């Protein structure tokens, strides 16, 4: 039963983090105009075709999420 308590706490913390990120994006949306337009993002536009691959944005997001997950696991272990 104790492992369910840990999973429940982890889910609550994850939901709070998601809500916090959502609130920040909602209230400071104009400040995140750089997000998705970093120098490493690939964008190819033709007449009938647009290809967008946000490589640098995914890298930044991956590093940020990795740090958050490691901090959460550090405090719960």
PDB file of N, CA and C in Angstrom:
ATOM      1  N   UNK A   1       0.813  -1.195   0.000  1.00  0.00           N
ATOM      2  CA  UNK A   1       0.000   0.000   0.000  1.00  0.00           C
ATOM      3  C   UNK A   1       0.855   1.257   0.000  1.00  0.00           C
ATOM      4  N   UNK A   2       2.069   1.160   0.551  1.00  0.00           N
ATOM      5  CA  UNK A   2       2.925   2.334   0.670  1.00  0.00           C
ATOM      6  C   UNK A   2       3.405   2.841  -0.691  1.00  0.00           C
ATOM      7  N   UNK A   3       3.623   1.913  -1.652  1.00  0.00           N
ATOM      8  CA  UNK A   3       4.067   2.353  -2.980  1.00  0.00           C
ATOM      9  C   UNK A   3       2.995   3.168  -3.690  1.00  0.00           C
ATOM     10  N   UNK A   4       1.723   2.914  -3.401  1.00  0.00           N
ATOM     11  CA  UNK A   4       0.644   3.701  -4.002  1.00  0.00           C
ATOM     12  C   UNK A   4       0.640   5.124  -3.454  1.00  0.00           C
ATOM     13  N   UNK A   5       1.028   5.261  -2.202  1.00  0.00           N
ATOM     14  CA  UNK A   5       1.099   6.593  -1.601  1.00  0.00           C
ATOM     15  C   UNK A   5       2.193   7.419  -2.290  1.00  0.00           C
ATOM     16  N   UNK A   6       3.334   6.807  -2.574  1.00  0.00           N
ATOM     17  CA  UNK A   6       4.421   7.505  -3.259  1.00  0.00           C
ATOM     18  C   UNK A   6       4.022   7.894  -4.683  1.00  0.00           C
ATOM     19  N   UNK A   7       3.346   7.005  -5.374  1.00  0.00           N
ATOM     20  CA  UNK A   7       2.889   7.309  -6.726  1.00  0.00           C
ATOM     21  C   UNK A   7       1.876   8.443  -6.694  1.00  0.00           C
ATOM     22  N   UNK A   8       0.996   8.434  -5.708  1.00  0.00           N
ATOM     23  CA  UNK A   8       0.006   9.499  -5.572  1.00  0.00           C
ATOM     24  C   UNK A   8       0.648  10.850  -5.330  1.00  0.00           C
ATOM     25  N   UNK A   9       1.648  10.897  -4.467  1.00  0.00           N
ATOM     26  CA  UNK A   9       2.353  12.154  -4.193  1.00  0.00           C
ATOM     27  C   UNK A   9       3.083  12.631  -5.443  1.00  0.00           C
ATOM     28  N   UNK A  10       3.707  11.717  -6.152  1.00  0.00           N
ATOM     29  CA  UNK A  10       4.412  12.076  -7.384  1.00  0.00           C
ATOM     30  C   UNK A  10       3.448  12.631  -8.431  1.00  0.00           C
ATOM     31  N   UNK A  11       2.272  12.031  -8.558  1.00  0.00           N
ATOM     32  CA  UNK A  11       1.276  12.525  -9.513  1.00  0.00           C
ATOM     33  C   UNK A  11       0.753  13.910  -9.120  1.00  0.00           C
ATOM     34  N   UNK A  12       0.572  14.132  -7.833  1.00  0.00           N
ATOM     35  CA  UNK A  12       0.119  15.456  -7.375  1.00  0.00           C
ATOM     36  C   UNK A  12       1.175  16.516  -7.680  1.00  0.00           C
ATOM     37  N   UNK A  13       2.431  16.210  -7.413  1.00  0.00           N
ATOM     38  CA  UNK A  13       3.501  17.165  -7.696  1.00  0.00           C
ATOM     39  C   UNK A  13       3.612  17.416  -9.196  1.00  0.00           C
ATOM     40  N   UNK A  14       3.498  16.373  -9.998  1.00  0.00           N
ATOM     41  CA  UNK A  14       3.552  16.529 -11.450  1.00  0.00           C
ATOM     42  C   UNK A  14       2.398  17.393 -11.955  1.00  0.00           C
ATOM     43  N   UNK A  15       1.215  17.198 -11.396  1.00  0.00           N
ATOM     44  CA  UNK A  15       0.061  18.018 -11.792  1.00  0.00           C
ATOM     45  C   UNK A  15       0.266  19.477 -11.405  1.00  0.00           C
ATOM     46  N   UNK A  16       0.842  19.717 -10.235  1.00  0.00           N
ATOM     47  CA  UNK A  16       1.117  21.096  -9.814  1.00  0.00           C
ATOM     48  C   UNK A  16       2.148  21.759 -10.714  1.00  0.00           C
ATOM     49  N   UNK A  17       3.158  21.012 -11.123  1.00  0.00           N
ATOM     50  CA  UNK A  17       4.168  21.558 -12.038  1.00  0.00           C
ATOM     51  C   UNK A  17       3.540  21.887 -13.380  1.00  0.00           C
ATOM     52  N   UNK A  18       2.696  21.011 -13.890  1.00  0.00           N
ATOM     53  CA  UNK A  18       2.024  21.263 -15.167  1.00  0.00           C
ATOM     54  C   UNK A  18       1.115  22.473 -15.064  1.00  0.00           C
ATOM     55  N   UNK A  19       0.389  22.595 -13.948  1.00  0.00           N
ATOM     56  CA  UNK A  19      -0.480  23.756 -13.754  1.00  0.00           C
ATOM     57  C   UNK A  19       0.327  25.040 -13.648  1.00  0.00           C
ATOM     58  N   UNK A  20       1.464  24.988 -12.978  1.00  0.00           N
ATOM     59  CA  UNK A  20       2.320  26.164 -12.848  1.00  0.00           C
ATOM     60  C   UNK A  20       2.881  26.591 -14.202  1.00  0.00           C
ATOM     61  N   UNK A  21       3.347  25.631 -14.976  1.00  0.00           N
ATOM     62  CA  UNK A  21       3.860  25.948 -16.317  1.00  0.00           C
ATOM     63  C   UNK A  21       2.745  26.515 -17.194  1.00  0.00           C
ATOM     64  N   UNK A  22       1.560  25.947 -17.108  1.00  0.00           N
ATOM     65  CA  UNK A  22       0.422  26.459 -17.866  1.00  0.00           C
ATOM     66  C   UNK A  22       0.065  27.877 -17.485  1.00  0.00           C
ATOM     67  N   UNK A  23       0.092  28.179 -16.190  1.00  0.00           N
ATOM     68  CA  UNK A  23      -0.210  29.539 -15.732  1.00  0.00           C
ATOM     69  C   UNK A  23       0.850  30.529 -16.199  1.00  0.00           C
ATOM     70  N   UNK A  24       2.109  30.128 -16.149  1.00  0.00           N
ATOM     71  CA  UNK A  24       3.179  31.012 -16.611  1.00  0.00           C
ATOM     72  C   UNK A  24       3.040  31.289 -18.100  1.00  0.00           C
ATOM     73  N   UNK A  25       2.757  30.274 -18.880  1.00  0.00           N
ATOM     74  CA  UNK A  25       2.583  30.459 -20.323  1.00  0.00           C
ATOM     75  C   UNK A  25       1.357  31.312 -20.618  1.00  0.00           C
ATOM     76  N   UNK A  26       0.297  31.130 -19.865  1.00  0.00           N
ATOM     77  CA  UNK A  26      -0.925  31.897 -20.083  1.00  0.00           C
ATOM     78  C   UNK A  26      -0.734  33.380 -19.767  1.00  0.00           C
ATOM     79  N   UNK A  27      -0.121  33.662 -18.619  1.00  0.00           N
ATOM     80  CA  UNK A  27       0.000  35.053 -18.191  1.00  0.00           C
ATOM     81  C   UNK A  27       1.213  35.770 -18.780  1.00  0.00           C
ATOM     82  N   UNK A  28       2.205  35.033 -19.234  1.00  0.00           N
ATOM     83  CA  UNK A  28       3.393  35.656 -19.824  1.00  0.00           C
ATOM     84  C   UNK A  28       3.617  35.116 -21.226  1.00  0.00           C
ATOM     85  N   UNK A  29       2.558  34.960 -21.976  1.00  0.00           N
ATOM     86  CA  UNK A  29       2.634  34.360 -23.302  1.00  0.00           C
ATOM     87  C   UNK A  29       3.509  35.119 -24.271  1.00  0.00           C
ATOM     88  N   UNK A  30       3.481  36.452 -24.222  1.00  0.00           N
ATOM     89  CA  UNK A  30       4.280  37.250 -25.148  1.00  0.00           C
ATOM     90  C   UNK A  30       5.770  37.108 -24.862  1.00  0.00           C
ATOM     91  N   UNK A  31       6.134  36.808 -23.614  1.00  0.00           N
ATOM     92  CA  UNK A  31       7.554  36.672 -23.296  1.00  0.00           C
ATOM     93  C   UNK A  31       8.147  35.371 -23.823  1.00  0.00           C
ATOM     94  N   UNK A  32       7.306  34.437 -24.213  1.00  0.00           N
ATOM     95  CA  UNK A  32       7.794  33.161 -24.747  1.00  0.00           C
ATOM     96  C   UNK A  32       7.750  33.122 -26.272  1.00  0.00           C
ATOM     97  N   UNK A  33       7.867  34.272 -26.916  1.00  0.00           N
ATOM     98  CA  UNK A  33       7.831  34.290 -28.375  1.00  0.00           C
ATOM     99  C   UNK A  33       9.083  33.643 -28.974  1.00  0.00           C
ATOM    100  N   UNK A  34      10.174  33.559 -28.200  1.00  0.00           N
ATOM    101  CA  UNK A  34      11.389  32.912 -28.665  1.00  0.00           C
ATOM    102  C   UNK A  34      11.226  31.400 -28.731  1.00  0.00           C
ATOM    103  N   UNK A  35      10.282  30.872 -27.944  1.00  0.00           N
ATOM    104  CA  UNK A  35      10.103  29.421 -27.855  1.00  0.00           C
ATOM    105  C   UNK A  35       9.558  28.892 -29.179  1.00  0.00           C
ATOM    106  N   UNK A  36      10.326  28.076 -29.841  1.00  0.00           N
ATOM    107  CA  UNK A  36       9.955  27.562 -31.152  1.00  0.00           C
ATOM    108  C   UNK A  36      10.590  28.329 -32.285  1.00  0.00           C
ATOM    109  N   UNK A  37      11.328  29.378 -31.973  1.00  0.00           N
ATOM    110  CA  UNK A  37      12.014  30.173 -32.990  1.00  0.00           C
ATOM    111  C   UNK A  37      13.488  30.338 -32.665  1.00  0.00           C
ATOM    112  N   UNK A  38      14.101  29.325 -32.105  1.00  0.00           N
ATOM    113  CA  UNK A  38      15.518  29.378 -31.776  1.00  0.00           C
ATOM    114  C   UNK A  38      16.357  29.207 -33.044  1.00  0.00           C
ATOM    115  N   UNK A  39      17.632  29.626 -33.015  1.00  0.00           N
ATOM    116  CA  UNK A  39      18.477  29.536 -34.209  1.00  0.00           C
ATOM    117  C   UNK A  39      18.654  28.126 -34.768  1.00  0.00           C
ATOM    118  N   UNK A  40      18.548  27.088 -33.966  1.00  0.00           N
ATOM    119  CA  UNK A  40      18.730  25.725 -34.454  1.00  0.00           C
ATOM    120  C   UNK A  40      17.471  25.071 -34.986  1.00  0.00           C
ATOM    121  N   UNK A  41      16.345  25.778 -34.976  1.00  0.00           N
ATOM    122  CA  UNK A  41      15.087  25.227 -35.478  1.00  0.00           C
ATOM    123  C   UNK A  41      15.071  25.296 -37.001  1.00  0.00           C
ATOM    124  N   UNK A  42      14.729  24.189 -37.628  1.00  0.00           N
ATOM    125  CA  UNK A  42      14.727  24.118 -39.090  1.00  0.00           C
ATOM    126  C   UNK A  42      13.337  24.438 -39.629  1.00  0.00           C
ATOM    127  N   UNK A  43      13.294  25.317 -40.611  1.00  0.00           N
ATOM    128  CA  UNK A  43      12.022  25.666 -41.244  1.00  0.00           C
ATOM    129  C   UNK A  43      12.251  25.816 -42.746  1.00  0.00           C
ATOM    130  N   UNK A  44      11.532  24.999 -43.518  1.00  0.00           N
ATOM    131  CA  UNK A  44      11.627  25.036 -44.972  1.00  0.00           C
ATOM    132  C   UNK A  44      10.249  25.369 -45.515  1.00  0.00           C
ATOM    133  N   UNK A  45      10.151  26.437 -46.276  1.00  0.00           N
ATOM    134  CA  UNK A  45       8.875  26.857 -46.855  1.00  0.00           C
ATOM    135  C   UNK A  45       8.965  26.838 -48.376  1.00  0.00           C
ATOM    136  N   UNK A  46       8.038  26.176 -48.994  1.00  0.00           N
ATOM    137  CA  UNK A  46       7.907  26.163 -50.456  1.00  0.00           C
ATOM    138  C   UNK A  46       6.495  26.635 -50.790  1.00  0.00           C
ATOM    139  N   UNK A  47       6.113  26.546 -52.042  1.00  0.00           N
ATOM    140  CA  UNK A  47       4.779  27.011 -52.450  1.00  0.00           C
ATOM    141  C   UNK A  47       3.659  26.257 -51.735  1.00  0.00           C
ATOM    142  N   UNK A  48       3.675  24.935 -51.833  1.00  0.00           N
ATOM    143  CA  UNK A  48       2.599  24.120 -51.259  1.00  0.00           C
ATOM    144  C   UNK A  48       3.076  23.264 -50.094  1.00  0.00           C
ATOM    145  N   UNK A  49       4.202  23.615 -49.521  1.00  0.00           N
ATOM    146  CA  UNK A  49       4.806  22.728 -48.539  1.00  0.00           C
ATOM    147  C   UNK A  49       5.534  23.549 -47.477  1.00  0.00           C
ATOM    148  N   UNK A  50       5.344  23.194 -46.229  1.00  0.00           N
ATOM    149  CA  UNK A  50       6.085  23.793 -45.129  1.00  0.00           C
ATOM    150  C   UNK A  50       6.543  22.680 -44.205  1.00  0.00           C
ATOM    151  N   UNK A  51       7.840  22.651 -43.951  1.00  0.00           N
ATOM    152  CA  UNK A  51       8.424  21.662 -43.046  1.00  0.00           C
ATOM    153  C   UNK A  51       9.058  22.413 -41.889  1.00  0.00           C
ATOM    154  N   UNK A  52       8.671  22.051 -40.664  1.00  0.00           N
ATOM    155  CA  UNK A  52       9.201  22.710 -39.480  1.00  0.00           C
ATOM    156  C   UNK A  52       9.682  21.639 -38.513  1.00  0.00           C
ATOM    157  N   UNK A  53      10.943  21.708 -38.142  1.00  0.00           N
ATOM    158  CA  UNK A  53      11.531  20.756 -37.199  1.00  0.00           C
ATOM    159  C   UNK A  53      12.241  21.541 -36.106  1.00  0.00           C
ATOM    160  N   UNK A  54      11.613  21.687 -34.921  1.00  0.00           N
ATOM    161  CA  UNK A  54      12.188  22.509 -33.846  1.00  0.00           C
ATOM    162  C   UNK A  54      13.275  21.774 -33.062  1.00  0.00           C
ATOM    163  N   UNK A  55      14.429  21.564 -33.686  1.00  0.00           N
ATOM    164  CA  UNK A  55      15.490  20.775 -33.085  1.00  0.00           C
ATOM    165  C   UNK A  55      16.070  21.457 -31.836  1.00  0.00           C
ATOM    166  N   UNK A  56      16.398  22.725 -31.911  1.00  0.00           N
ATOM    167  CA  UNK A  56      16.985  23.421 -30.759  1.00  0.00           C
ATOM    168  C   UNK A  56      15.965  23.558 -29.628  1.00  0.00           C
ATOM    169  N   UNK A  57      14.721  23.806 -29.971  1.00  0.00           N
ATOM    170  CA  UNK A  57      13.682  23.926 -28.946  1.00  0.00           C
ATOM    171  C   UNK A  57      13.504  22.598 -28.215  1.00  0.00           C
ATOM    172  N   UNK A  58      13.519  21.496 -28.954  1.00  0.00           N
ATOM    173  CA  UNK A  58      13.388  20.186 -28.312  1.00  0.00           C
ATOM    174  C   UNK A  58      14.581  19.890 -27.414  1.00  0.00           C
ATOM    175  N   UNK A  59      15.769  20.323 -27.819  1.00  0.00           N
ATOM    176  CA  UNK A  59      16.955  20.113 -27.005  1.00  0.00           C
ATOM    177  C   UNK A  59      16.865  20.897 -25.694  1.00  0.00           C
ATOM    178  N   UNK A  60      16.471  22.159 -25.773  1.00  0.00           N
ATOM    179  CA  UNK A  60      16.318  22.982 -24.568  1.00  0.00           C
ATOM    180  C   UNK A  60      15.240  22.397 -23.653  1.00  0.00           C
ATOM    181  N   UNK A  61      14.119  22.003 -24.216  1.00  0.00           N
ATOM    182  CA  UNK A  61      13.033  21.420 -23.431  1.00  0.00           C
ATOM    183  C   UNK A  61      13.461  20.099 -22.788  1.00  0.00           C
ATOM    184  N   UNK A  62      14.212  19.295 -23.500  1.00  0.00           N
ATOM    185  CA  UNK A  62      14.690  18.023 -22.971  1.00  0.00           C
ATOM    186  C   UNK A  62      15.629  18.229 -21.787  1.00  0.00           C
ATOM    187  N   UNK A  63      16.534  19.182 -21.894  1.00  0.00           N
ATOM    188  CA  UNK A  63      17.458  19.460 -20.793  1.00  0.00           C
ATOM    189  C   UNK A  63      16.692  19.973 -19.574  1.00  0.00           C
ATOM    190  N   UNK A  64      15.756  20.885 -19.798  1.00  0.00           N
ATOM    191  CA  UNK A  64      14.958  21.448 -18.707  1.00  0.00           C
ATOM    192  C   UNK A  64      14.143  20.368 -17.993  1.00  0.00           C
ATOM    193  N   UNK A  65      13.454  19.513 -18.757  1.00  0.00           N
ATOM    194  CA  UNK A  65      12.658  18.444 -18.151  1.00  0.00           C
ATOM    195  C   UNK A  65      13.530  17.415 -17.446  1.00  0.00           C
ATOM    196  N   UNK A  66      14.701  17.144 -17.996  1.00  0.00           N
ATOM    197  CA  UNK A  66      15.620  16.204 -17.371  1.00  0.00           C
ATOM    198  C   UNK A  66      16.060  16.716 -16.000  1.00  0.00           C
ATOM    199  N   UNK A  67      16.360  18.010 -15.905  1.00  0.00           N
ATOM    200  CA  UNK A  67      16.760  18.595 -14.626  1.00  0.00           C
ATOM    201  C   UNK A  67      15.618  18.511 -13.615  1.00  0.00           C
ATOM    202  N   UNK A  68      14.400  18.829 -14.052  1.00  0.00           N
ATOM    203  CA  UNK A  68      13.253  18.775 -13.142  1.00  0.00           C
ATOM    204  C   UNK A  68      13.006  17.351 -12.650  1.00  0.00           C
ATOM    205  N   UNK A  69      13.049  16.386 -13.540  1.00  0.00           N
ATOM    206  CA  UNK A  69      12.808  14.994 -13.141  1.00  0.00           C
ATOM    207  C   UNK A  69      13.899  14.499 -12.200  1.00  0.00           C
ATOM    208  N   UNK A  70      15.143  14.863 -12.467  1.00  0.00           N
ATOM    209  CA  UNK A  70      16.227  14.452 -11.568  1.00  0.00           C
ATOM    210  C   UNK A  70      16.088  15.079 -10.185  1.00  0.00           C
ATOM    211  N   UNK A  71      15.647  16.333 -10.130  1.00  0.00           N
ATOM    212  CA  UNK A  71      15.428  16.969  -8.824  1.00  0.00           C
ATOM    213  C   UNK A  71      14.303  16.286  -8.058  1.00  0.00           C
ATOM    214  N   UNK A  72      13.222  15.956  -8.746  1.00  0.00           N
ATOM    215  CA  UNK A  72      12.108  15.265  -8.086  1.00  0.00           C
ATOM    216  C   UNK A  72      12.554  13.900  -7.562  1.00  0.00           C
ATOM    217  N   UNK A  73      13.279  13.150  -8.383  1.00  0.00           N
ATOM    218  CA  UNK A  73      13.748  11.833  -7.947  1.00  0.00           C
ATOM    219  C   UNK A  73      14.769  11.950  -6.821  1.00  0.00           C
ATOM    220  N   UNK A  74      15.585  12.991  -6.827  1.00  0.00           N
ATOM    221  CA  UNK A  74      16.565  13.192  -5.759  1.00  0.00           C
ATOM    222  C   UNK A  74      15.869  13.419  -4.420  1.00  0.00           C
ATOM    223  N   UNK A  75      14.805  14.202  -4.406  1.00  0.00           N
ATOM    224  CA  UNK A  75      14.137  14.507  -3.145  1.00  0.00           C
ATOM    225  C   UNK A  75      13.232  13.370  -2.669  1.00  0.00           C
ATOM    226  N   UNK A  76      12.836  12.467  -3.546  1.00  0.00           N
ATOM    227  CA  UNK A  76      11.973  11.358  -3.121  1.00  0.00           C
ATOM    228  C   UNK A  76      12.731  10.064  -2.872  1.00  0.00           C
ATOM    229  N   UNK A  77      14.025  10.046  -3.106  1.00  0.00           N
ATOM    230  CA  UNK A  77      14.809   8.824  -2.834  1.00  0.00           C
ATOM    231  C   UNK A  77      15.697   9.003  -1.643  1.00  0.00           C
TER     232      UNK A  77
END
